[in-house]
Amino acid sequence: DCMGGDNAPEAPVQGALDALAESDEIEVILVGRE
């Protein structure tokens, strides 16, 4: 959910990218205003 929280959408998007860089076991679906 990229629109929830005080630091949306930058924090969820960056966190997702950092997670992708650290693990090849996940995919992320970014949900929100495109």
Full PDB file with SEQRES, HELIX, SHEET, SSBOND, CRYST1, ORIGX, SCALE, CONECT and MASTER records, all heavy atoms in Angstrom:
SEQRES   1 A   34  ASP CYS MET GLY GLY ASP ASN ALA PRO GLU ALA PRO VAL          
SEQRES   2 A   34  GLN GLY ALA LEU ASP ALA LEU ALA GLU SER ASP GLU ILE          
SEQRES   3 A   34  GLU VAL ILE LEU VAL GLY ARG GLU                              
HELIX    1 AA1 GLU A   10  GLU A   22  1                                  13    
CRYST1    1.000    1.000    1.000  90.00  90.00  90.00 P 1           1          
ORIGX1      1.000000  0.000000  0.000000        0.00000                         
ORIGX2      0.000000  1.000000  0.000000        0.00000                         
ORIGX3      0.000000  0.000000  1.000000        0.00000                         
SCALE1      1.000000  0.000000  0.000000        0.00000                         
SCALE2      0.000000  1.000000  0.000000        0.00000                         
SCALE3      0.000000  0.000000  1.000000        0.00000                         
ATOM      1  N   ASP A   1       0.863  -1.171   0.000  1.00  0.00           N  
ATOM      2  CA  ASP A   1       0.000   0.000   0.000  1.00  0.00           C  
ATOM      3  C   ASP A   1       0.908   1.232   0.000  1.00  0.00           C  
ATOM      4  O   ASP A   1       1.419   1.633   1.043  1.00  0.00           O  
ATOM      5  CB  ASP A   1      -0.894  -0.037   1.247  1.00  0.00           C  
ATOM      6  CG  ASP A   1      -1.676   1.254   1.453  1.00  0.00           C  
ATOM      7  OD1 ASP A   1      -1.695   2.112   0.551  1.00  0.00           O  
ATOM      8  OD2 ASP A   1      -2.266   1.416   2.545  1.00  0.00           O  
ATOM      9  N   CYS A   2       1.091   1.824  -1.162  1.00  0.00           N  
ATOM     10  CA  CYS A   2       2.051   2.922  -1.300  1.00  0.00           C  
ATOM     11  C   CYS A   2       1.488   4.282  -0.898  1.00  0.00           C  
ATOM     12  O   CYS A   2       2.231   5.272  -0.889  1.00  0.00           O  
ATOM     13  CB  CYS A   2       2.540   3.003  -2.748  1.00  0.00           C  
ATOM     14  SG  CYS A   2       3.643   1.646  -3.191  1.00  0.00           S  
ATOM     15  N   MET A   3       0.215   4.339  -0.547  1.00  0.00           N  
ATOM     16  CA  MET A   3      -0.384   5.624  -0.188  1.00  0.00           C  
ATOM     17  C   MET A   3      -0.634   5.752   1.311  1.00  0.00           C  
ATOM     18  O   MET A   3      -1.081   6.793   1.785  1.00  0.00           O  
ATOM     19  CB  MET A   3      -1.710   5.821  -0.947  1.00  0.00           C  
ATOM     20  CG  MET A   3      -1.639   5.586  -2.451  1.00  0.00           C  
ATOM     21  SD  MET A   3      -0.229   6.393  -3.279  1.00  0.00           S  
ATOM     22  CE  MET A   3      -0.636   8.102  -3.051  1.00  0.00           C  
ATOM     23  N   GLY A   4      -0.329   4.699   2.083  1.00  0.00           N  
ATOM     24  CA  GLY A   4      -0.568   4.734   3.524  1.00  0.00           C  
ATOM     25  C   GLY A   4       0.665   5.168   4.288  1.00  0.00           C  
ATOM     26  O   GLY A   4       1.791   4.815   3.929  1.00  0.00           O  
ATOM     27  N   GLY A   5       0.464   5.940   5.356  1.00  0.00           N  
ATOM     28  CA  GLY A   5       1.573   6.339   6.210  1.00  0.00           C  
ATOM     29  C   GLY A   5       2.018   7.771   5.976  1.00  0.00           C  
ATOM     30  O   GLY A   5       1.677   8.404   4.969  1.00  0.00           O  
ATOM     31  N   ASP A   6       2.805   8.279   6.901  1.00  0.00           N  
ATOM     32  CA  ASP A   6       3.250   9.679   6.864  1.00  0.00           C  
ATOM     33  C   ASP A   6       4.233   9.963   5.738  1.00  0.00           C  
ATOM     34  O   ASP A   6       4.352  11.111   5.299  1.00  0.00           O  
ATOM     35  CB  ASP A   6       3.925  10.057   8.192  1.00  0.00           C  
ATOM     36  CG  ASP A   6       3.008   9.870   9.391  1.00  0.00           C  
ATOM     37  OD1 ASP A   6       1.774   9.845   9.191  1.00  0.00           O  
ATOM     38  OD2 ASP A   6       3.522   9.746  10.517  1.00  0.00           O  
ATOM     39  N   ASN A   7       4.962   8.948   5.299  1.00  0.00           N  
ATOM     40  CA  ASN A   7       6.042   9.162   4.331  1.00  0.00           C  
ATOM     41  C   ASN A   7       5.751   8.535   2.971  1.00  0.00           C  
ATOM     42  O   ASN A   7       6.673   8.162   2.240  1.00  0.00           O  
ATOM     43  CB  ASN A   7       7.351   8.610   4.904  1.00  0.00           C  
ATOM     44  CG  ASN A   7       7.722   9.267   6.220  1.00  0.00           C  
ATOM     45  OD1 ASN A   7       7.783  10.489   6.317  1.00  0.00           O  
ATOM     46  ND2 ASN A   7       7.951   8.469   7.252  1.00  0.00           N  
ATOM     47  N   ALA A   8       4.449   8.401   2.669  1.00  0.00           N  
ATOM     48  CA  ALA A   8       4.038   7.823   1.393  1.00  0.00           C  
ATOM     49  C   ALA A   8       4.111   8.891   0.285  1.00  0.00           C  
ATOM     50  O   ALA A   8       3.888  10.066   0.538  1.00  0.00           O  
ATOM     51  CB  ALA A   8       2.613   7.289   1.515  1.00  0.00           C  
ATOM     52  N   PRO A   9       4.408   8.474  -0.950  1.00  0.00           N  
ATOM     53  CA  PRO A   9       4.752   7.108  -1.365  1.00  0.00           C  
ATOM     54  C   PRO A   9       6.257   6.816  -1.364  1.00  0.00           C  
ATOM     55  O   PRO A   9       6.674   5.715  -1.677  1.00  0.00           O  
ATOM     56  CB  PRO A   9       4.209   7.052  -2.788  1.00  0.00           C  
ATOM     57  CG  PRO A   9       4.442   8.454  -3.301  1.00  0.00           C  
ATOM     58  CD  PRO A   9       4.226   9.368  -2.112  1.00  0.00           C  
ATOM     59  N   GLU A  10       7.069   7.822  -1.008  1.00  0.00           N  
ATOM     60  CA  GLU A  10       8.526   7.668  -1.137  1.00  0.00           C  
ATOM     61  C   GLU A  10       9.075   6.521  -0.283  1.00  0.00           C  
ATOM     62  O   GLU A  10       9.863   5.701  -0.764  1.00  0.00           O  
ATOM     63  CB  GLU A  10       9.241   8.979  -0.781  1.00  0.00           C  
ATOM     64  CG  GLU A  10       9.056  10.097  -1.783  1.00  0.00           C  
ATOM     65  CD  GLU A  10       7.703  10.782  -1.676  1.00  0.00           C  
ATOM     66  OE1 GLU A  10       7.020  10.588  -0.654  1.00  0.00           O  
ATOM     67  OE2 GLU A  10       7.328  11.497  -2.629  1.00  0.00           O  
ATOM     68  N   ALA A  11       8.672   6.468   1.006  1.00  0.00           N  
ATOM     69  CA  ALA A  11       9.217   5.436   1.909  1.00  0.00           C  
ATOM     70  C   ALA A  11       8.818   4.025   1.484  1.00  0.00           C  
ATOM     71  O   ALA A  11       9.684   3.140   1.409  1.00  0.00           O  
ATOM     72  CB  ALA A  11       8.790   5.718   3.348  1.00  0.00           C  
ATOM     73  N   PRO A  12       7.519   3.748   1.219  1.00  0.00           N  
ATOM     74  CA  PRO A  12       7.194   2.385   0.780  1.00  0.00           C  
ATOM     75  C   PRO A  12       7.847   1.990  -0.535  1.00  0.00           C  
ATOM     76  O   PRO A  12       8.282   0.847  -0.695  1.00  0.00           O  
ATOM     77  CB  PRO A  12       5.657   2.396   0.664  1.00  0.00           C  
ATOM     78  CG  PRO A  12       5.243   3.813   0.727  1.00  0.00           C  
ATOM     79  CD  PRO A  12       6.298   4.552   1.450  1.00  0.00           C  
ATOM     80  N   VAL A  13       7.962   2.939  -1.464  1.00  0.00           N  
ATOM     81  CA  VAL A  13       8.599   2.622  -2.745  1.00  0.00           C  
ATOM     82  C   VAL A  13      10.082   2.323  -2.547  1.00  0.00           C  
ATOM     83  O   VAL A  13      10.594   1.310  -3.038  1.00  0.00           O  
ATOM     84  CB  VAL A  13       8.402   3.780  -3.753  1.00  0.00           C  
ATOM     85  CG1 VAL A  13       9.297   3.577  -4.986  1.00  0.00           C  
ATOM     86  CG2 VAL A  13       6.940   3.880  -4.173  1.00  0.00           C  
ATOM     87  N   GLN A  14      10.785   3.173  -1.809  1.00  0.00           N  
ATOM     88  CA  GLN A  14      12.215   2.935  -1.583  1.00  0.00           C  
ATOM     89  C   GLN A  14      12.442   1.663  -0.786  1.00  0.00           C  
ATOM     90  O   GLN A  14      13.369   0.899  -1.060  1.00  0.00           O  
ATOM     91  CB  GLN A  14      12.832   4.130  -0.847  1.00  0.00           C  
ATOM     92  CG  GLN A  14      14.353   4.027  -0.696  1.00  0.00           C  
ATOM     93  CD  GLN A  14      15.077   3.945  -2.029  1.00  0.00           C  
ATOM     94  OE1 GLN A  14      14.904   4.815  -2.894  1.00  0.00           O  
ATOM     95  NE2 GLN A  14      15.863   2.891  -2.231  1.00  0.00           N  
ATOM     96  N   GLY A  15      11.601   1.417   0.215  1.00  0.00           N  
ATOM     97  CA  GLY A  15      11.719   0.185   1.000  1.00  0.00           C  
ATOM     98  C   GLY A  15      11.539  -1.049   0.140  1.00  0.00           C  
ATOM     99  O   GLY A  15      12.249  -2.053   0.306  1.00  0.00           O  
ATOM    100  N   ALA A  16      10.592  -0.979  -0.800  1.00  0.00           N  
ATOM    101  CA  ALA A  16      10.365  -2.101  -1.717  1.00  0.00           C  
ATOM    102  C   ALA A  16      11.588  -2.342  -2.596  1.00  0.00           C  
ATOM    103  O   ALA A  16      12.010  -3.485  -2.805  1.00  0.00           O  
ATOM    104  CB  ALA A  16       9.139  -1.819  -2.581  1.00  0.00           C  
ATOM    105  N   LEU A  17      12.173  -1.260  -3.105  1.00  0.00           N  
ATOM    106  CA  LEU A  17      13.362  -1.402  -3.953  1.00  0.00           C  
ATOM    107  C   LEU A  17      14.540  -1.963  -3.162  1.00  0.00           C  
ATOM    108  O   LEU A  17      15.297  -2.804  -3.665  1.00  0.00           O  
ATOM    109  CB  LEU A  17      13.737  -0.045  -4.554  1.00  0.00           C  
ATOM    110  CG  LEU A  17      12.694   0.633  -5.441  1.00  0.00           C  
ATOM    111  CD1 LEU A  17      13.270   1.895  -6.075  1.00  0.00           C  
ATOM    112  CD2 LEU A  17      12.177  -0.307  -6.514  1.00  0.00           C  
ATOM    113  N   ASP A  18      14.702  -1.523  -1.930  1.00  0.00           N  
ATOM    114  CA  ASP A  18      15.785  -2.037  -1.077  1.00  0.00           C  
ATOM    115  C   ASP A  18      15.592  -3.525  -0.792  1.00  0.00           C  
ATOM    116  O   ASP A  18      16.560  -4.291  -0.756  1.00  0.00           O  
ATOM    117  CB  ASP A  18      15.836  -1.261   0.241  1.00  0.00           C  
ATOM    118  CG  ASP A  18      16.267   0.190   0.048  1.00  0.00           C  
ATOM    119  OD1 ASP A  18      16.824   0.514  -1.022  1.00  0.00           O  
ATOM    120  OD2 ASP A  18      16.027   1.002   0.962  1.00  0.00           O  
ATOM    121  N   ALA A  19      14.337  -3.932  -0.602  1.00  0.00           N  
ATOM    122  CA  ALA A  19      14.046  -5.347  -0.352  1.00  0.00           C  
ATOM    123  C   ALA A  19      14.341  -6.187  -1.594  1.00  0.00           C  
ATOM    124  O   ALA A  19      14.900  -7.294  -1.497  1.00  0.00           O  
ATOM    125  CB  ALA A  19      12.596  -5.524   0.077  1.00  0.00           C  
ATOM    126  N   LEU A  20      13.982  -5.674  -2.767  1.00  0.00           N  
ATOM    127  CA  LEU A  20      14.280  -6.381  -4.017  1.00  0.00           C  
ATOM    128  C   LEU A  20      15.782  -6.563  -4.196  1.00  0.00           C  
ATOM    129  O   LEU A  20      16.242  -7.616  -4.653  1.00  0.00           O  
ATOM    130  CB  LEU A  20      13.723  -5.595  -5.209  1.00  0.00           C  
ATOM    131  CG  LEU A  20      12.213  -5.622  -5.438  1.00  0.00           C  
ATOM    132  CD1 LEU A  20      11.847  -4.713  -6.608  1.00  0.00           C  
ATOM    133  CD2 LEU A  20      11.707  -7.035  -5.692  1.00  0.00           C  
ATOM    134  N   ALA A  21      16.552  -5.535  -3.817  1.00  0.00           N  
ATOM    135  CA  ALA A  21      18.004  -5.605  -3.958  1.00  0.00           C  
ATOM    136  C   ALA A  21      18.616  -6.603  -2.991  1.00  0.00           C  
ATOM    137  O   ALA A  21      19.656  -7.209  -3.287  1.00  0.00           O  
ATOM    138  CB  ALA A  21      18.610  -4.221  -3.724  1.00  0.00           C  
ATOM    139  N   GLU A  22      17.964  -6.806  -1.846  1.00  0.00           N  
ATOM    140  CA  GLU A  22      18.526  -7.691  -0.823  1.00  0.00           C  
ATOM    141  C   GLU A  22      18.108  -9.147  -0.991  1.00  0.00           C  
ATOM    142  O   GLU A  22      18.809 -10.055  -0.551  1.00  0.00           O  
ATOM    143  CB  GLU A  22      18.108  -7.195   0.564  1.00  0.00           C  
ATOM    144  CG  GLU A  22      18.875  -7.848   1.692  1.00  0.00           C  
ATOM    145  CD  GLU A  22      18.844  -7.046   2.973  1.00  0.00           C  
ATOM    146  OE1 GLU A  22      18.920  -5.810   2.913  1.00  0.00           O  
ATOM    147  OE2 GLU A  22      18.729  -7.669   4.049  1.00  0.00           O  
ATOM    148  N   SER A  23      16.954  -9.390  -1.594  1.00  0.00           N  
ATOM    149  CA  SER A  23      16.468 -10.771  -1.733  1.00  0.00           C  
ATOM    150  C   SER A  23      15.891 -11.008  -3.119  1.00  0.00           C  
ATOM    151  O   SER A  23      15.102 -10.199  -3.617  1.00  0.00           O  
ATOM    152  CB  SER A  23      15.395 -11.053  -0.679  1.00  0.00           C  
ATOM    153  OG  SER A  23      14.803 -12.322  -0.906  1.00  0.00           O  
ATOM    154  N   ASP A  24      16.271 -12.136  -3.723  1.00  0.00           N  
ATOM    155  CA  ASP A  24      15.696 -12.492  -5.023  1.00  0.00           C  
ATOM    156  C   ASP A  24      14.492 -13.420  -4.868  1.00  0.00           C  
ATOM    157  O   ASP A  24      13.984 -13.972  -5.848  1.00  0.00           O  
ATOM    158  CB  ASP A  24      16.752 -13.129  -5.920  1.00  0.00           C  
ATOM    159  CG  ASP A  24      17.285 -14.449  -5.367  1.00  0.00           C  
ATOM    160  OD1 ASP A  24      16.871 -14.848  -4.262  1.00  0.00           O  
ATOM    161  OD2 ASP A  24      18.131 -15.075  -6.039  1.00  0.00           O  
ATOM    162  N   GLU A  25      14.003 -13.570  -3.623  1.00  0.00           N  
ATOM    163  CA  GLU A  25      12.872 -14.459  -3.363  1.00  0.00           C  
ATOM    164  C   GLU A  25      11.522 -13.749  -3.428  1.00  0.00           C  
ATOM    165  O   GLU A  25      10.488 -14.383  -3.254  1.00  0.00           O  
ATOM    166  CB  GLU A  25      13.023 -15.109  -1.992  1.00  0.00           C  
ATOM    167  CG  GLU A  25      14.209 -16.040  -1.861  1.00  0.00           C  
ATOM    168  CD  GLU A  25      14.226 -16.756  -0.525  1.00  0.00           C  
ATOM    169  OE1 GLU A  25      13.635 -17.852  -0.431  1.00  0.00           O  
ATOM    170  OE2 GLU A  25      14.818 -16.228   0.434  1.00  0.00           O  
ATOM    171  N   ILE A  26      11.533 -12.429  -3.656  1.00  0.00           N  
ATOM    172  CA  ILE A  26      10.274 -11.690  -3.636  1.00  0.00           C  
ATOM    173  C   ILE A  26      10.028 -10.920  -4.932  1.00  0.00           C  
ATOM    174  O   ILE A  26      10.951 -10.621  -5.690  1.00  0.00           O  
ATOM    175  CB  ILE A  26      10.226 -10.688  -2.451  1.00  0.00           C  
ATOM    176  CG1 ILE A  26      11.332  -9.634  -2.583  1.00  0.00           C  
ATOM    177  CG2 ILE A  26      10.318 -11.410  -1.121  1.00  0.00           C  
ATOM    178  CD1 ILE A  26      11.206  -8.497  -1.585  1.00  0.00           C  
ATOM    179  N   GLU A  27       8.753 -10.625  -5.146  1.00  0.00           N  
ATOM    180  CA  GLU A  27       8.308  -9.656  -6.145  1.00  0.00           C  
ATOM    181  C   GLU A  27       7.470  -8.627  -5.392  1.00  0.00           C  
ATOM    182  O   GLU A  27       6.849  -8.960  -4.377  1.00  0.00           O  
ATOM    183  CB  GLU A  27       7.444 -10.319  -7.220  1.00  0.00           C  
ATOM    184  CG  GLU A  27       8.173 -11.339  -8.063  1.00  0.00           C  
ATOM    185  CD  GLU A  27       7.256 -12.004  -9.086  1.00  0.00           C  
ATOM    186  OE1 GLU A  27       6.132 -11.486  -9.298  1.00  0.00           O  
ATOM    187  OE2 GLU A  27       7.653 -13.037  -9.641  1.00  0.00           O  
ATOM    188  N   VAL A  28       7.438  -7.408  -5.866  1.00  0.00           N  
ATOM    189  CA  VAL A  28       6.617  -6.397  -5.210  1.00  0.00           C  
ATOM    190  C   VAL A  28       5.590  -5.842  -6.191  1.00  0.00           C  
ATOM    191  O   VAL A  28       5.881  -5.640  -7.375  1.00  0.00           O  
ATOM    192  CB  VAL A  28       7.458  -5.258  -4.605  1.00  0.00           C  
ATOM    193  CG1 VAL A  28       8.328  -5.775  -3.475  1.00  0.00           C  
ATOM    194  CG2 VAL A  28       8.293  -4.543  -5.643  1.00  0.00           C  
ATOM    195  N   ILE A  29       4.395  -5.630  -5.663  1.00  0.00           N  
ATOM    196  CA  ILE A  29       3.315  -5.005  -6.419  1.00  0.00           C  
ATOM    197  C   ILE A  29       3.021  -3.684  -5.710  1.00  0.00           C  
ATOM    198  O   ILE A  29       2.523  -3.673  -4.579  1.00  0.00           O  
ATOM    199  CB  ILE A  29       2.056  -5.891  -6.447  1.00  0.00           C  
ATOM    200  CG1 ILE A  29       2.386  -7.289  -6.970  1.00  0.00           C  
ATOM    201  CG2 ILE A  29       0.959  -5.234  -7.280  1.00  0.00           C  
ATOM    202  CD1 ILE A  29       1.274  -8.315  -6.751  1.00  0.00           C  
ATOM    203  N   LEU A  30       3.363  -2.582  -6.346  1.00  0.00           N  
ATOM    204  CA  LEU A  30       3.153  -1.268  -5.749  1.00  0.00           C  
ATOM    205  C   LEU A  30       1.740  -0.805  -6.079  1.00  0.00           C  
ATOM    206  O   LEU A  30       1.385  -0.657  -7.260  1.00  0.00           O  
ATOM    207  CB  LEU A  30       4.189  -0.274  -6.280  1.00  0.00           C  
ATOM    208  CG  LEU A  30       5.662  -0.687  -6.092  1.00  0.00           C  
ATOM    209  CD1 LEU A  30       6.584   0.386  -6.661  1.00  0.00           C  
ATOM    210  CD2 LEU A  30       5.974  -0.950  -4.630  1.00  0.00           C  
ATOM    211  N   VAL A  31       0.945  -0.595  -5.035  1.00  0.00           N  
ATOM    212  CA  VAL A  31      -0.472  -0.273  -5.217  1.00  0.00           C  
ATOM    213  C   VAL A  31      -0.720   1.169  -4.786  1.00  0.00           C  
ATOM    214  O   VAL A  31      -0.354   1.564  -3.668  1.00  0.00           O  
ATOM    215  CB  VAL A  31      -1.366  -1.226  -4.411  1.00  0.00           C  
ATOM    216  CG1 VAL A  31      -2.842  -0.937  -4.688  1.00  0.00           C  
ATOM    217  CG2 VAL A  31      -1.033  -2.681  -4.729  1.00  0.00           C  
ATOM    218  N   GLY A  32      -1.349   1.949  -5.662  1.00  0.00           N  
ATOM    219  CA  GLY A  32      -1.654   3.341  -5.332  1.00  0.00           C  
ATOM    220  C   GLY A  32      -1.805   4.173  -6.585  1.00  0.00           C  
ATOM    221  O   GLY A  32      -1.948   3.636  -7.698  1.00  0.00           O  
ATOM    222  N   ARG A  33      -1.779   5.478  -6.413  1.00  0.00           N  
ATOM    223  CA  ARG A  33      -1.903   6.372  -7.563  1.00  0.00           C  
ATOM    224  C   ARG A  33      -0.652   6.234  -8.436  1.00  0.00           C  
ATOM    225  O   ARG A  33       0.459   6.554  -8.029  1.00  0.00           O  
ATOM    226  CB  ARG A  33      -2.074   7.807  -7.084  1.00  0.00           C  
ATOM    227  CG  ARG A  33      -3.436   8.020  -6.402  1.00  0.00           C  
ATOM    228  CD  ARG A  33      -3.538   9.366  -5.754  1.00  0.00           C  
ATOM    229  NE  ARG A  33      -4.883   9.562  -5.200  1.00  0.00           N  
ATOM    230  CZ  ARG A  33      -5.167  10.402  -4.211  1.00  0.00           C  
ATOM    231  NH1 ARG A  33      -4.204  11.130  -3.665  1.00  0.00           N  
ATOM    232  NH2 ARG A  33      -6.398  10.525  -3.777  1.00  0.00           N  
ATOM    233  N   GLU A  34      -0.882   5.738  -9.644  1.00  0.00           N  
ATOM    234  CA  GLU A  34       0.242   5.349 -10.503  1.00  0.00           C  
ATOM    235  C   GLU A  34       1.197   6.497 -10.784  1.00  0.00           C  
ATOM    236  O   GLU A  34       2.425   6.315 -10.774  1.00  0.00           O  
ATOM    237  CB  GLU A  34      -0.277   4.770 -11.820  1.00  0.00           C  
ATOM    238  CG  GLU A  34       0.820   4.193 -12.682  1.00  0.00           C  
ATOM    239  CD  GLU A  34       0.307   3.353 -13.830  1.00  0.00           C  
ATOM    240  OE1 GLU A  34      -0.921   3.262 -14.017  1.00  0.00           O  
ATOM    241  OE2 GLU A  34       1.155   2.790 -14.554  1.00  0.00           O  
TER     242      GLU A  34                                                      
MASTER        0    0    0    1    0    0    0    6  241    1    0    3          
END                                                                             
